[in-house]
Amino acid sequence: MSRRSESALAFGIGTLVGVLAGVAAAVLFSPKSGEEMRKDLKVAARKIVKENAPNIVYTNKINSAAFVRLQYTIESQFNKAIDAIKAGRMAAAKRREELESAYKY
């Protein structure tokens, strides 16, 4: 992962954590009723999404690309492990065959 994509991912995660902390603080320390609080939270959430839409889209693209690379890496390593197991089984079978043929004489 490049430094730029790591920075964008860190920014996205930091933004999310900051939003959640702000919401928690607002709910805990608010003197408003539940209905008023829900209305204010909706307005604030829409404002945050509207202001950060480009960053959200960019972060989603980076995350999608990172997950695709991760999936490819996992599949590649899994296939290498399967190939190694098959090669080991074939080598063991060949060695067993050699030992059995040596004892027949």
C-alpha atoms as a PDB file:
ATOM      1  CA  MET A   1       0.000   0.000   0.000  1.00  0.00           C
ATOM      2  CA  SER A   2       1.405   3.377  -0.925  1.00  0.00           C
ATOM      3  CA  ARG A   3       2.045   6.101   1.603  1.00  0.00           C
ATOM      4  CA  ARG A   4      -0.689   8.254   0.087  1.00  0.00           C
ATOM      5  CA  SER A   5      -3.316   5.527   0.355  1.00  0.00           C
ATOM      6  CA  GLU A   6      -2.234   4.787   3.932  1.00  0.00           C
ATOM      7  CA  SER A   7      -2.632   8.482   4.750  1.00  0.00           C
ATOM      8  CA  ALA A   8      -6.080   8.578   3.169  1.00  0.00           C
ATOM      9  CA  LEU A   9      -7.111   5.451   5.043  1.00  0.00           C
ATOM     10  CA  ALA A  10      -5.841   6.906   8.308  1.00  0.00           C
ATOM     11  CA  PHE A  11      -7.725  10.129   7.583  1.00  0.00           C
ATOM     12  CA  GLY A  12     -10.932   8.219   6.901  1.00  0.00           C
ATOM     13  CA  ILE A  13     -10.612   6.167  10.058  1.00  0.00           C
ATOM     14  CA  GLY A  14      -9.733   9.268  12.085  1.00  0.00           C
ATOM     15  CA  THR A  15     -12.740  11.094  10.679  1.00  0.00           C
ATOM     16  CA  LEU A  16     -15.029   8.207  11.561  1.00  0.00           C
ATOM     17  CA  VAL A  17     -13.655   7.950  15.092  1.00  0.00           C
ATOM     18  CA  GLY A  18     -13.987  11.709  15.560  1.00  0.00           C
ATOM     19  CA  VAL A  19     -17.580  11.676  14.358  1.00  0.00           C
ATOM     20  CA  LEU A  20     -18.483   8.800  16.669  1.00  0.00           C
ATOM     21  CA  ALA A  21     -16.812  10.494  19.642  1.00  0.00           C
ATOM     22  CA  GLY A  22     -18.654  13.728  18.882  1.00  0.00           C
ATOM     23  CA  VAL A  23     -21.983  11.955  18.655  1.00  0.00           C
ATOM     24  CA  ALA A  24     -21.361  10.130  21.926  1.00  0.00           C
ATOM     25  CA  ALA A  25     -20.414  13.374  23.689  1.00  0.00           C
ATOM     26  CA  ALA A  26     -23.443  15.166  22.271  1.00  0.00           C
ATOM     27  CA  VAL A  27     -25.820  12.458  23.440  1.00  0.00           C
ATOM     28  CA  LEU A  28     -24.296  12.237  26.899  1.00  0.00           C
ATOM     29  CA  PHE A  29     -24.142  15.963  27.628  1.00  0.00           C
ATOM     30  CA  SER A  30     -27.212  17.230  25.799  1.00  0.00           C
ATOM     31  CA  PRO A  31     -30.066  18.838  27.726  1.00  0.00           C
ATOM     32  CA  LYS A  32     -32.397  18.341  24.749  1.00  0.00           C
ATOM     33  CA  SER A  33     -35.241  15.852  24.448  1.00  0.00           C
ATOM     34  CA  GLY A  34     -34.833  12.696  22.406  1.00  0.00           C
ATOM     35  CA  GLU A  35     -36.843  14.015  19.475  1.00  0.00           C
ATOM     36  CA  GLU A  36     -34.879  17.270  19.326  1.00  0.00           C
ATOM     37  CA  MET A  37     -31.618  15.367  19.614  1.00  0.00           C
ATOM     38  CA  ARG A  38     -32.509  13.011  16.761  1.00  0.00           C
ATOM     39  CA  LYS A  39     -33.411  15.963  14.550  1.00  0.00           C
ATOM     40  CA  ASP A  40     -30.119  17.725  15.355  1.00  0.00           C
ATOM     41  CA  LEU A  41     -28.136  14.526  14.785  1.00  0.00           C
ATOM     42  CA  LYS A  42     -29.745  14.027  11.371  1.00  0.00           C
ATOM     43  CA  VAL A  43     -28.865  17.578  10.367  1.00  0.00           C
ATOM     44  CA  ALA A  44     -25.299  17.224  11.642  1.00  0.00           C
ATOM     45  CA  ALA A  45     -24.834  13.831   9.942  1.00  0.00           C
ATOM     46  CA  ARG A  46     -26.081  15.171   6.610  1.00  0.00           C
ATOM     47  CA  LYS A  47     -23.766  18.164   6.929  1.00  0.00           C
ATOM     48  CA  ILE A  48     -20.759  15.952   7.673  1.00  0.00           C
ATOM     49  CA  VAL A  49     -21.507  13.620   4.762  1.00  0.00           C
ATOM     50  CA  LYS A  50     -22.036  16.559   2.398  1.00  0.00           C
ATOM     51  CA  GLU A  51     -18.766  18.248   3.438  1.00  0.00           C
ATOM     52  CA  ASN A  52     -16.711  15.050   3.314  1.00  0.00           C
ATOM     53  CA  ALA A  53     -18.302  13.319   0.323  1.00  0.00           C
ATOM     54  CA  PRO A  54     -15.153  13.502  -1.864  1.00  0.00           C
ATOM     55  CA  ASN A  55     -13.007  12.073   0.945  1.00  0.00           C
ATOM     56  CA  ILE A  56     -15.547   9.345   1.633  1.00  0.00           C
ATOM     57  CA  VAL A  57     -15.663   8.320  -2.035  1.00  0.00           C
ATOM     58  CA  TYR A  58     -11.858   8.395  -2.305  1.00  0.00           C
ATOM     59  CA  THR A  59     -11.456   6.346   0.889  1.00  0.00           C
ATOM     60  CA  ASN A  60     -14.004   3.805  -0.344  1.00  0.00           C
ATOM     61  CA  LYS A  61     -12.087   3.437  -3.624  1.00  0.00           C
ATOM     62  CA  ILE A  62      -8.810   2.953  -1.766  1.00  0.00           C
ATOM     63  CA  ASN A  63     -10.363   0.409   0.575  1.00  0.00           C
ATOM     64  CA  SER A  64     -11.915  -1.471  -2.333  1.00  0.00           C
ATOM     65  CA  ALA A  65      -8.584  -1.633  -4.124  1.00  0.00           C
ATOM     66  CA  ALA A  66      -6.823  -2.715  -0.939  1.00  0.00           C
ATOM     67  CA  PHE A  67      -9.355  -5.504  -0.381  1.00  0.00           C
ATOM     68  CA  VAL A  68      -8.933  -6.714  -3.952  1.00  0.00           C
ATOM     69  CA  ARG A  69      -5.135  -6.819  -3.483  1.00  0.00           C
ATOM     70  CA  LEU A  70      -5.569  -8.588  -0.143  1.00  0.00           C
ATOM     71  CA  GLN A  71      -7.897 -11.143  -1.708  1.00  0.00           C
ATOM     72  CA  TYR A  72      -5.417 -11.767  -4.540  1.00  0.00           C
ATOM     73  CA  THR A  73      -2.542 -12.153  -2.067  1.00  0.00           C
ATOM     74  CA  ILE A  74      -4.478 -14.605   0.091  1.00  0.00           C
ATOM     75  CA  GLU A  75      -5.571 -16.654  -2.919  1.00  0.00           C
ATOM     76  CA  SER A  76      -2.009 -16.680  -4.256  1.00  0.00           C
ATOM     77  CA  GLN A  77      -0.539 -17.826  -0.945  1.00  0.00           C
ATOM     78  CA  PHE A  78      -3.273 -20.444  -0.557  1.00  0.00           C
ATOM     79  CA  ASN A  79      -2.548 -21.808  -4.045  1.00  0.00           C
ATOM     80  CA  LYS A  80       1.179 -21.931  -3.283  1.00  0.00           C
ATOM     81  CA  ALA A  81       0.470 -23.885  -0.103  1.00  0.00           C
ATOM     82  CA  ILE A  82      -1.769 -26.340  -1.988  1.00  0.00           C
ATOM     83  CA  ASP A  83       0.930 -26.782  -4.667  1.00  0.00           C
ATOM     84  CA  ALA A  84       3.554 -27.397  -1.971  1.00  0.00           C
ATOM     85  CA  ILE A  85       1.356 -30.021  -0.308  1.00  0.00           C
ATOM     86  CA  LYS A  86       0.779 -31.759  -3.638  1.00  0.00           C
ATOM     87  CA  ALA A  87       4.507 -31.701  -4.412  1.00  0.00           C
ATOM     88  CA  GLY A  88       5.273 -33.137  -0.981  1.00  0.00           C
ATOM     89  CA  ARG A  89       2.750 -35.937  -1.441  1.00  0.00           C
ATOM     90  CA  MET A  90       4.161 -36.770  -4.866  1.00  0.00           C
ATOM     91  CA  ALA A  91       7.726 -36.802  -3.506  1.00  0.00           C
ATOM     92  CA  ALA A  92       6.658 -39.042  -0.629  1.00  0.00           C
ATOM     93  CA  ALA A  93       4.893 -41.431  -3.018  1.00  0.00           C
ATOM     94  CA  LYS A  94       7.934 -41.539  -5.287  1.00  0.00           C
ATOM     95  CA  ARG A  95      10.259 -42.213  -2.337  1.00  0.00           C
ATOM     96  CA  ARG A  96       7.924 -44.919  -1.022  1.00  0.00           C
ATOM     97  CA  GLU A  97       7.918 -46.522  -4.464  1.00  0.00           C
ATOM     98  CA  GLU A  98      11.739 -46.397  -4.603  1.00  0.00           C
ATOM     99  CA  LEU A  99      12.037 -47.999  -1.167  1.00  0.00           C
ATOM    100  CA  GLU A 100       9.526 -50.704  -1.993  1.00  0.00           C
ATOM    101  CA  SER A 101      11.299 -51.553  -5.241  1.00  0.00           C
ATOM    102  CA  ALA A 102      14.636 -51.756  -3.387  1.00  0.00           C
ATOM    103  CA  TYR A 103      13.241 -54.376  -0.974  1.00  0.00           C
ATOM    104  CA  LYS A 104      11.813 -56.590  -3.717  1.00  0.00           C
ATOM    105  CA  TYR A 105      15.250 -57.769  -4.897  1.00  0.00           C
END
